[in-house]
Structures are given as structure tokens and as C-alpha cells.
C-alpha atoms as a PDB file:
ATOM      1  CA  UNK A   1     126.560 113.473 127.718  1.00  0.00           C
ATOM      2  CA  UNK A   2     122.232 113.663 127.880  1.00  0.00           C
ATOM      3  CA  UNK A   3     120.512 113.692 124.656  1.00  0.00           C
ATOM      4  CA  UNK A   4     118.732 116.829 125.359  1.00  0.00           C
ATOM      5  CA  UNK A   5     115.174 115.690 122.936  1.00  0.00           C
ATOM      6  CA  UNK A   6     115.000 112.670 125.162  1.00  0.00           C
ATOM      7  CA  UNK A   7     111.986 112.351 126.303  1.00  0.00           C
ATOM      8  CA  UNK A   8     110.001 110.027 129.409  1.00  0.00           C
ATOM      9  CA  UNK A   9     106.762 110.152 128.999  1.00  0.00           C
ATOM     10  CA  UNK A  10     104.982 110.557 133.060  1.00  0.00           C
ATOM     11  CA  UNK A  11     102.483 107.354 133.646  1.00  0.00           C
ATOM     12  CA  UNK A  12      99.277 107.052 134.714  1.00  0.00           C
ATOM     13  CA  UNK A  13      98.144 103.936 136.448  1.00  0.00           C
ATOM     14  CA  UNK A  14      94.861 103.848 135.787  1.00  0.00           C
ATOM     15  CA  UNK A  15      92.261 101.044 137.062  1.00  0.00           C
ATOM     16  CA  UNK A  16      90.344  99.700 133.760  1.00  0.00           C
ATOM     17  CA  UNK A  17      89.252  96.440 133.774  1.00  0.00           C
ATOM     18  CA  UNK A  18      86.859  95.920 136.484  1.00  0.00           C
ATOM     19  CA  UNK A  19      87.044  92.289 138.512  1.00  0.00           C
ATOM     20  CA  UNK A  20      83.657  91.041 136.903  1.00  0.00           C
ATOM     21  CA  UNK A  21      84.983  91.775 133.276  1.00  0.00           C
ATOM     22  CA  UNK A  22      88.643  89.884 134.171  1.00  0.00           C
ATOM     23  CA  UNK A  23      86.847  87.004 135.649  1.00  0.00           C
ATOM     24  CA  UNK A  24      84.406  86.819 132.703  1.00  0.00           C
ATOM     25  CA  UNK A  25      87.477  87.076 130.531  1.00  0.00           C
ATOM     26  CA  UNK A  26      89.101  83.885 131.567  1.00  0.00           C
ATOM     27  CA  UNK A  27      86.286  81.865 132.538  1.00  0.00           C
ATOM     28  CA  UNK A  28      85.199  82.412 128.782  1.00  0.00           C
ATOM     29  CA  UNK A  29      88.628  81.405 127.321  1.00  0.00           C
ATOM     30  CA  UNK A  30      88.440  78.637 129.564  1.00  0.00           C
ATOM     31  CA  UNK A  31      84.888  77.431 128.385  1.00  0.00           C
ATOM     32  CA  UNK A  32      85.613  77.952 124.723  1.00  0.00           C
ATOM     33  CA  UNK A  33      89.428  75.878 124.956  1.00  0.00           C
ATOM     34  CA  UNK A  34      86.550  73.395 126.731  1.00  0.00           C
ATOM     35  CA  UNK A  35      83.851  73.338 124.090  1.00  0.00           C
ATOM     36  CA  UNK A  36      86.499  73.060 120.872  1.00  0.00           C
ATOM     37  CA  UNK A  37      88.533  70.050 122.156  1.00  0.00           C
ATOM     38  CA  UNK A  38      85.134  68.041 122.909  1.00  0.00           C
ATOM     39  CA  UNK A  39      83.548  69.663 119.759  1.00  0.00           C
ATOM     40  CA  UNK A  40      86.005  68.346 117.447  1.00  0.00           C
ATOM     41  CA  UNK A  41      85.682  64.981 119.066  1.00  0.00           C
ATOM     42  CA  UNK A  42      81.798  65.239 119.013  1.00  0.00           C
ATOM     43  CA  UNK A  43      81.839  65.686 114.985  1.00  0.00           C
ATOM     44  CA  UNK A  44      84.693  63.604 114.250  1.00  0.00           C
ATOM     45  CA  UNK A  45      85.342  60.466 117.404  1.00  0.00           C
ATOM     46  CA  UNK A  46      88.633  59.307 117.182  1.00  0.00           C
ATOM     47  CA  UNK A  47      88.618  55.499 116.730  1.00  0.00           C
ATOM     48  CA  UNK A  48      89.866  54.457 120.499  1.00  0.00           C
ATOM     49  CA  UNK A  49      90.924  50.466 119.845  1.00  0.00           C
ATOM     50  CA  UNK A  50      90.408  49.050 123.721  1.00  0.00           C
ATOM     51  CA  UNK A  51      89.591  45.201 124.849  1.00  0.00           C
ATOM     52  CA  UNK A  52      86.455  46.357 127.049  1.00  0.00           C
ATOM     53  CA  UNK A  53      82.839  46.433 125.547  1.00  0.00           C
ATOM     54  CA  UNK A  54      82.061  49.404 124.212  1.00  0.00           C
ATOM     55  CA  UNK A  55      78.961  50.342 126.773  1.00  0.00           C
ATOM     56  CA  UNK A  56      81.586  50.615 129.650  1.00  0.00           C
ATOM     57  CA  UNK A  57      84.256  52.704 128.079  1.00  0.00           C
ATOM     58  CA  UNK A  58      81.200  55.601 128.309  1.00  0.00           C
ATOM     59  CA  UNK A  59      84.239  58.099 126.021  1.00  0.00           C
ATOM     60  CA  UNK A  60      80.986  60.320 123.872  1.00  0.00           C
ATOM     61  CA  UNK A  61      78.901  60.390 126.903  1.00  0.00           C
ATOM     62  CA  UNK A  62      81.645  61.970 129.449  1.00  0.00           C
ATOM     63  CA  UNK A  63      82.863  64.042 125.741  1.00  0.00           C
ATOM     64  CA  UNK A  64      79.270  65.385 125.762  1.00  0.00           C
ATOM     65  CA  UNK A  65      78.563  66.001 129.221  1.00  0.00           C
ATOM     66  CA  UNK A  66      82.021  68.327 129.199  1.00  0.00           C
ATOM     67  CA  UNK A  67      80.908  69.602 125.869  1.00  0.00           C
ATOM     68  CA  UNK A  68      76.931  70.524 126.731  1.00  0.00           C
ATOM     69  CA  UNK A  69      78.347  71.933 130.878  1.00  0.00           C
ATOM     70  CA  UNK A  70      80.471  73.995 128.962  1.00  0.00           C
ATOM     71  CA  UNK A  71      78.070  75.800 127.092  1.00  0.00           C
ATOM     72  CA  UNK A  72      75.473  76.251 129.925  1.00  0.00           C
ATOM     73  CA  UNK A  73      78.521  78.280 131.302  1.00  0.00           C
ATOM     74  CA  UNK A  74      78.598  79.988 128.218  1.00  0.00           C
ATOM     75  CA  UNK A  75      75.691  80.771 127.914  1.00  0.00           C
ATOM     76  CA  UNK A  76      74.891  82.394 131.453  1.00  0.00           C
ATOM     77  CA  UNK A  77      78.305  83.827 130.877  1.00  0.00           C
ATOM     78  CA  UNK A  78      77.692  85.917 128.103  1.00  0.00           C
ATOM     79  CA  UNK A  79      74.108  86.703 129.922  1.00  0.00           C
ATOM     80  CA  UNK A  80      76.477  88.152 132.089  1.00  0.00           C
ATOM     81  CA  UNK A  81      78.790  89.719 129.901  1.00  0.00           C
ATOM     82  CA  UNK A  82      75.505  91.498 128.044  1.00  0.00           C
ATOM     83  CA  UNK A  83      74.366  92.687 131.783  1.00  0.00           C
ATOM     84  CA  UNK A  84      77.671  93.734 132.617  1.00  0.00           C
ATOM     85  CA  UNK A  85      77.767  96.341 129.342  1.00  0.00           C
ATOM     86  CA  UNK A  86      74.643  98.412 130.812  1.00  0.00           C
ATOM     87  CA  UNK A  87      76.004  98.848 134.302  1.00  0.00           C
ATOM     88  CA  UNK A  88      79.892  98.732 134.480  1.00  0.00           C
ATOM     89  CA  UNK A  89      82.190 101.181 134.129  1.00  0.00           C
ATOM     90  CA  UNK A  90      82.920 103.223 130.699  1.00  0.00           C
ATOM     91  CA  UNK A  91      85.878 100.866 129.960  1.00  0.00           C
ATOM     92  CA  UNK A  92      83.114  97.653 129.993  1.00  0.00           C
ATOM     93  CA  UNK A  93      79.593  99.963 128.244  1.00  0.00           C
ATOM     94  CA  UNK A  94      78.421  99.148 125.052  1.00  0.00           C
ATOM     95  CA  UNK A  95      79.435 102.466 123.478  1.00  0.00           C
ATOM     96  CA  UNK A  96      83.125 100.668 123.587  1.00  0.00           C
ATOM     97  CA  UNK A  97      82.095  98.236 121.039  1.00  0.00           C
ATOM     98  CA  UNK A  98      79.728 100.246 118.844  1.00  0.00           C
ATOM     99  CA  UNK A  99      80.646 102.997 116.163  1.00  0.00           C
ATOM    100  CA  UNK A 100      78.615 105.734 116.914  1.00  0.00           C
ATOM    101  CA  UNK A 101      81.090 108.751 115.851  1.00  0.00           C
ATOM    102  CA  UNK A 102      83.299 110.251 113.793  1.00  0.00           C
ATOM    103  CA  UNK A 103      86.460 109.880 116.474  1.00  0.00           C
ATOM    104  CA  UNK A 104      85.186 105.995 116.615  1.00  0.00           C
ATOM    105  CA  UNK A 105      86.084 105.907 113.071  1.00  0.00           C
ATOM    106  CA  UNK A 106      89.395 107.805 113.380  1.00  0.00           C
ATOM    107  CA  UNK A 107      90.567 105.481 115.348  1.00  0.00           C
ATOM    108  CA  UNK A 108      90.010 102.387 113.973  1.00  0.00           C
ATOM    109  CA  UNK A 109      91.769 104.039 110.786  1.00  0.00           C
ATOM    110  CA  UNK A 110      94.697 104.865 113.064  1.00  0.00           C
ATOM    111  CA  UNK A 111      94.774 101.191 114.281  1.00  0.00           C
ATOM    112  CA  UNK A 112      94.753  99.621 111.010  1.00  0.00           C
ATOM    113  CA  UNK A 113      97.590 101.799 109.971  1.00  0.00           C
ATOM    114  CA  UNK A 114      99.356 100.320 113.035  1.00  0.00           C
ATOM    115  CA  UNK A 115      98.299  96.768 113.214  1.00  0.00           C
ATOM    116  CA  UNK A 116      98.118  96.159 109.368  1.00  0.00           C
ATOM    117  CA  UNK A 117     100.600  98.189 107.428  1.00  0.00           C
ATOM    118  CA  UNK A 118     102.673  98.526 110.594  1.00  0.00           C
ATOM    119  CA  UNK A 119     103.604 102.156 110.376  1.00  0.00           C
ATOM    120  CA  UNK A 120     105.212 104.069 113.341  1.00  0.00           C
ATOM    121  CA  UNK A 121     102.413 105.549 115.269  1.00  0.00           C
ATOM    122  CA  UNK A 122     102.757 109.819 115.052  1.00  0.00           C
ATOM    123  CA  UNK A 123     101.391 112.163 117.836  1.00  0.00           C
ATOM    124  CA  UNK A 124      98.247 112.968 115.174  1.00  0.00           C
ATOM    125  CA  UNK A 125      97.387 109.228 115.363  1.00  0.00           C
ATOM    126  CA  UNK A 126      98.144 108.859 119.442  1.00  0.00           C
ATOM    127  CA  UNK A 127      94.777 111.429 120.252  1.00  0.00           C
ATOM    128  CA  UNK A 128      93.086 108.529 118.447  1.00  0.00           C
ATOM    129  CA  UNK A 129      94.166 105.596 120.772  1.00  0.00           C
ATOM    130  CA  UNK A 130      91.744 105.018 124.048  1.00  0.00           C
ATOM    131  CA  UNK A 131      92.905 104.254 127.276  1.00  0.00           C
ATOM    132  CA  UNK A 132      90.901 100.572 127.057  1.00  0.00           C
ATOM    133  CA  UNK A 133      89.988  99.009 124.054  1.00  0.00           C
ATOM    134  CA  UNK A 134      91.023 100.634 121.096  1.00  0.00           C
ATOM    135  CA  UNK A 135      88.310 101.148 118.359  1.00  0.00           C
ATOM    136  CA  UNK A 136      89.213  98.681 116.137  1.00  0.00           C
ATOM    137  CA  UNK A 137      88.887  96.315 119.100  1.00  0.00           C
ATOM    138  CA  UNK A 138      85.997  97.059 120.522  1.00  0.00           C
ATOM    139  CA  UNK A 139      84.265  96.725 116.813  1.00  0.00           C
ATOM    140  CA  UNK A 140      85.829  93.033 116.149  1.00  0.00           C
ATOM    141  CA  UNK A 141      84.192  92.256 120.041  1.00  0.00           C
ATOM    142  CA  UNK A 142      81.482  93.314 118.661  1.00  0.00           C
ATOM    143  CA  UNK A 143      81.469  90.918 116.336  1.00  0.00           C
ATOM    144  CA  UNK A 144      82.485  88.443 118.306  1.00  0.00           C
ATOM    145  CA  UNK A 145      79.147  88.920 120.541  1.00  0.00           C
ATOM    146  CA  UNK A 146      76.942  88.663 117.444  1.00  0.00           C
ATOM    147  CA  UNK A 147      79.406  85.034 116.559  1.00  0.00           C
ATOM    148  CA  UNK A 148      78.412  84.349 120.639  1.00  0.00           C
ATOM    149  CA  UNK A 149      74.422  84.820 119.892  1.00  0.00           C
ATOM    150  CA  UNK A 150      74.809  82.814 116.931  1.00  0.00           C
ATOM    151  CA  UNK A 151      76.745  79.901 118.417  1.00  0.00           C
ATOM    152  CA  UNK A 152      73.833  80.131 121.100  1.00  0.00           C
ATOM    153  CA  UNK A 153      71.074  79.986 118.928  1.00  0.00           C
ATOM    154  CA  UNK A 154      72.758  76.938 117.315  1.00  0.00           C
ATOM    155  CA  UNK A 155      74.216  75.330 119.790  1.00  0.00           C
ATOM    156  CA  UNK A 156      70.999  74.686 122.055  1.00  0.00           C
ATOM    157  CA  UNK A 157      68.512  73.948 118.685  1.00  0.00           C
ATOM    158  CA  UNK A 158      70.966  71.503 118.068  1.00  0.00           C
ATOM    159  CA  UNK A 159      70.644  70.541 121.933  1.00  0.00           C
ATOM    160  CA  UNK A 160      66.607  71.080 122.159  1.00  0.00           C
ATOM    161  CA  UNK A 161      65.705  67.299 120.590  1.00  0.00           C
ATOM    162  CA  UNK A 162      67.494  65.645 123.230  1.00  0.00           C
ATOM    163  CA  UNK A 163      67.216  67.323 126.369  1.00  0.00           C
ATOM    164  CA  UNK A 164      64.433  67.498 128.674  1.00  0.00           C
ATOM    165  CA  UNK A 165      65.004  70.344 130.182  1.00  0.00           C
ATOM    166  CA  UNK A 166      62.780  73.795 129.549  1.00  0.00           C
ATOM    167  CA  UNK A 167      65.563  75.432 128.875  1.00  0.00           C
ATOM    168  CA  UNK A 168      67.320  73.566 125.454  1.00  0.00           C
ATOM    169  CA  UNK A 169      63.331  73.541 124.599  1.00  0.00           C
ATOM    170  CA  UNK A 170      63.151  77.499 123.796  1.00  0.00           C
ATOM    171  CA  UNK A 171      65.347  76.911 121.570  1.00  0.00           C
ATOM    172  CA  UNK A 172      64.018  74.251 119.476  1.00  0.00           C
ATOM    173  CA  UNK A 173      62.571  76.605 116.633  1.00  0.00           C
ATOM    174  CA  UNK A 174      65.850  77.331 115.682  1.00  0.00           C
ATOM    175  CA  UNK A 175      66.322  74.514 113.065  1.00  0.00           C
ATOM    176  CA  UNK A 176      63.436  75.094 111.661  1.00  0.00           C
ATOM    177  CA  UNK A 177      64.657  78.665 110.818  1.00  0.00           C
ATOM    178  CA  UNK A 178      68.406  77.648 109.698  1.00  0.00           C
ATOM    179  CA  UNK A 179      66.489  74.930 107.215  1.00  0.00           C
ATOM    180  CA  UNK A 180      67.213  71.598 109.245  1.00  0.00           C
ATOM    181  CA  UNK A 181      69.806  70.023 111.521  1.00  0.00           C
ATOM    182  CA  UNK A 182      72.144  69.386 108.758  1.00  0.00           C
ATOM    183  CA  UNK A 183      72.437  73.289 108.062  1.00  0.00           C
ATOM    184  CA  UNK A 184      72.438  74.725 111.566  1.00  0.00           C
ATOM    185  CA  UNK A 185      75.416  71.599 112.523  1.00  0.00           C
ATOM    186  CA  UNK A 186      77.260  73.440 110.066  1.00  0.00           C
ATOM    187  CA  UNK A 187      76.825  77.270 111.313  1.00  0.00           C
ATOM    188  CA  UNK A 188      77.047  75.747 114.761  1.00  0.00           C
ATOM    189  CA  UNK A 189      80.782  74.052 113.218  1.00  0.00           C
ATOM    190  CA  UNK A 190      81.589  77.404 111.188  1.00  0.00           C
ATOM    191  CA  UNK A 191      81.478  79.513 113.931  1.00  0.00           C
ATOM    192  CA  UNK A 192      83.420  77.461 116.173  1.00  0.00           C
ATOM    193  CA  UNK A 193      86.266  78.162 113.531  1.00  0.00           C
ATOM    194  CA  UNK A 194      86.084  82.135 113.728  1.00  0.00           C
ATOM    195  CA  UNK A 195      86.684  81.277 117.839  1.00  0.00           C
ATOM    196  CA  UNK A 196      89.751  79.628 116.621  1.00  0.00           C
ATOM    197  CA  UNK A 197      90.767  82.654 113.829  1.00  0.00           C
ATOM    198  CA  UNK A 198      90.144  85.107 116.549  1.00  0.00           C
ATOM    199  CA  UNK A 199      91.961  83.097 119.425  1.00  0.00           C
ATOM    200  CA  UNK A 200      95.684  83.482 117.201  1.00  0.00           C
ATOM    201  CA  UNK A 201      95.205  87.252 116.238  1.00  0.00           C
ATOM    202  CA  UNK A 202      94.280  88.203 119.783  1.00  0.00           C
ATOM    203  CA  UNK A 203      97.132  86.707 121.627  1.00  0.00           C
ATOM    204  CA  UNK A 204      99.032  87.970 118.746  1.00  0.00           C
ATOM    205  CA  UNK A 205      98.045  91.699 118.919  1.00  0.00           C
ATOM    206  CA  UNK A 206      97.991  91.363 123.327  1.00  0.00           C
ATOM    207  CA  UNK A 207     101.789  90.759 122.927  1.00  0.00           C
ATOM    208  CA  UNK A 208     101.999  93.343 119.980  1.00  0.00           C
ATOM    209  CA  UNK A 209      99.920  96.040 121.776  1.00  0.00           C
ATOM    210  CA  UNK A 210     102.141  95.513 125.052  1.00  0.00           C
ATOM    211  CA  UNK A 211     105.195  95.935 123.465  1.00  0.00           C
ATOM    212  CA  UNK A 212     104.186  99.102 121.033  1.00  0.00           C
ATOM    213  CA  UNK A 213     102.499 101.057 124.077  1.00  0.00           C
ATOM    214  CA  UNK A 214     104.165  99.725 127.315  1.00  0.00           C
ATOM    215  CA  UNK A 215     100.914 100.146 129.179  1.00  0.00           C
ATOM    216  CA  UNK A 216     101.215  96.829 130.593  1.00  0.00           C
ATOM    217  CA  UNK A 217      98.065  95.402 128.246  1.00  0.00           C
ATOM    218  CA  UNK A 218      98.960  91.849 129.615  1.00  0.00           C
ATOM    219  CA  UNK A 219      99.297  91.846 133.434  1.00  0.00           C
ATOM    220  CA  UNK A 220      96.119  94.499 132.957  1.00  0.00           C
ATOM    221  CA  UNK A 221      93.543  91.533 132.733  1.00  0.00           C
ATOM    222  CA  UNK A 222      95.310  90.156 135.671  1.00  0.00           C
ATOM    223  CA  UNK A 223      95.198  93.325 138.114  1.00  0.00           C
ATOM    224  CA  UNK A 224      92.892  95.505 136.293  1.00  0.00           C
ATOM    225  CA  UNK A 225      95.306  98.498 136.058  1.00  0.00           C
ATOM    226  CA  UNK A 226      97.615 100.064 132.613  1.00  0.00           C
ATOM    227  CA  UNK A 227     100.015 102.864 132.861  1.00  0.00           C
ATOM    228  CA  UNK A 228      98.398 105.450 130.283  1.00  0.00           C
ATOM    229  CA  UNK A 229     100.999 107.908 129.317  1.00  0.00           C
ATOM    230  CA  UNK A 230      99.872 111.657 131.573  1.00  0.00           C
ATOM    231  CA  UNK A 231      98.746 113.850 128.778  1.00  0.00           C
ATOM    232  CA  UNK A 232      97.094 110.711 127.337  1.00  0.00           C
ATOM    233  CA  UNK A 233      95.353 110.161 130.354  1.00  0.00           C
ATOM    234  CA  UNK A 234      94.154 114.094 130.265  1.00  0.00           C
ATOM    235  CA  UNK A 235      93.277 113.973 126.849  1.00  0.00           C
ATOM    236  CA  UNK A 236      91.060 110.772 127.142  1.00  0.00           C
ATOM    237  CA  UNK A 237      89.828 112.185 130.843  1.00  0.00           C
ATOM    238  CA  UNK A 238      86.384 111.988 129.690  1.00  0.00           C
ATOM    239  CA  UNK A 239      86.880 107.772 129.071  1.00  0.00           C
ATOM    240  CA  UNK A 240      87.575 107.427 133.061  1.00  0.00           C
ATOM    241  CA  UNK A 241      85.474 107.370 135.781  1.00  0.00           C
ATOM    242  CA  UNK A 242      85.626 109.400 138.454  1.00  0.00           C
ATOM    243  CA  UNK A 243      89.666 110.066 137.087  1.00  0.00           C
ATOM    244  CA  UNK A 244      90.350 111.286 140.138  1.00  0.00           C
ATOM    245  CA  UNK A 245      90.020 108.781 142.524  1.00  0.00           C
ATOM    246  CA  UNK A 246      92.639 106.734 140.322  1.00  0.00           C
ATOM    247  CA  UNK A 247      96.303 106.243 141.615  1.00  0.00           C
ATOM    248  CA  UNK A 248      98.935 108.214 140.006  1.00  0.00           C
END
């Protein structure tokens, strides 16, 4: 006999992540992995044994080349994301990342109770969960963008002294601001560990929220669509640009 209290939510298919956002996300993930691997090698190179002369190996040269190439991609990809925060849909807008309202802080507290305290969400907390990034994730991404800026400044600041191109030389003032190359390199290295820690927590929470909410969190960064409860979609309709054009 069917449970008369069983409630099956009606889901609406909502286009959340635009193609430029998804492209930025995966390109950023790739170049950060390259930057971390090559950065570790540059800071503490391995003692590679070979019968060939060291001048013929060019191992450090290749690692530096990959590091600098990935850095340029990272930098311009970051600039593109800054631009898209103003011209993209509401889920990519900067209002999703900066606490500007009381509702933002309420949602951060609700997410904290679900993610950190592992409390079961109720209807009241459900009202504070967004369709796109939840408030806690949005605020952490905002801190991540600041870390992106620090990483770009320190990285190009260190590179300015050995580059002949005008772009890195625009950052020649950075080491002096941080007190010299040594401290600038240390800040650059510490920022790398921030990204490593962020990546571990980010991957865990994506899988966790996909399990808890069942909205297609993982697949949404591939196809752009999430599956939102109909009643939640109606309550948060102000978040969705042109909701009448979204397929049910």
C-alpha cells in the first residue's frame, strides 16, 4: 500500500551555467593543475640522473616554459571571468559572490549547518538555498578571486625581471611592494597551497551537494542544466533570467 505521506517533488530543468562559464571553469582547472605541478618542480627540482650532459636535457627549461605558458592562460582567463561577471546571466553576476543582503547571510548560515554541522535541512532552510551558487560557495569563490589576483601579481612580479615582453614588466613594482623577491616568492607559494586546499574541499562538496540536493550538481558544469524543485523555482524566480524560456 502506497504511503499517503510520500511526496514526489516535481522538477524543472533550468539552464544555469552558460557555455563561457563552463569553459572558464574547466580551462581554469586544467591550468591550475599544470601550474601546481610545474611550480613544485621549479621550487624543488628533482635530482635526475642521466648519462647525457645537463645542457642537453633542458628539463628545468621545459618546466619553466609550461609554467609561464599556463600562467598567461590563467591570467587572461581570469580577466575574462571578471568581464563575464558583468555581462553574463544572474548566476554568473558578481551579486552571487559578494554579501550584499540579509538573505545572503541567512543562506550562508543555512549552508553552514548542512555542510559543516551535518544537520538535516528543513523547509525553512530550504527557502534560503539558491538555484545557482549557494551563498557560502559564492563567498568562498569571491575569496578565491582575490587569491587569483594575488597569484597573478606575485607571479608576474617575479617574472618581470627576466622577461623581455612589456606585459610582465607592468608588474615590476610588485616585489618592492611585498618587501623583495624572497617574500614575494613565499606569498606566491602559500597561495598555491590555498588552491590545493580549495580544490580538495570543492570536489568533496560538489559530490556531497549532488547527493543531498539531487539537482545534478556534477553534470550541470558539463551541460549547464540543473534540476530544481518546482516550488523552489517559483520562490526563487527572481534569480532566473527569462524563466519563461527555460524548459520544464
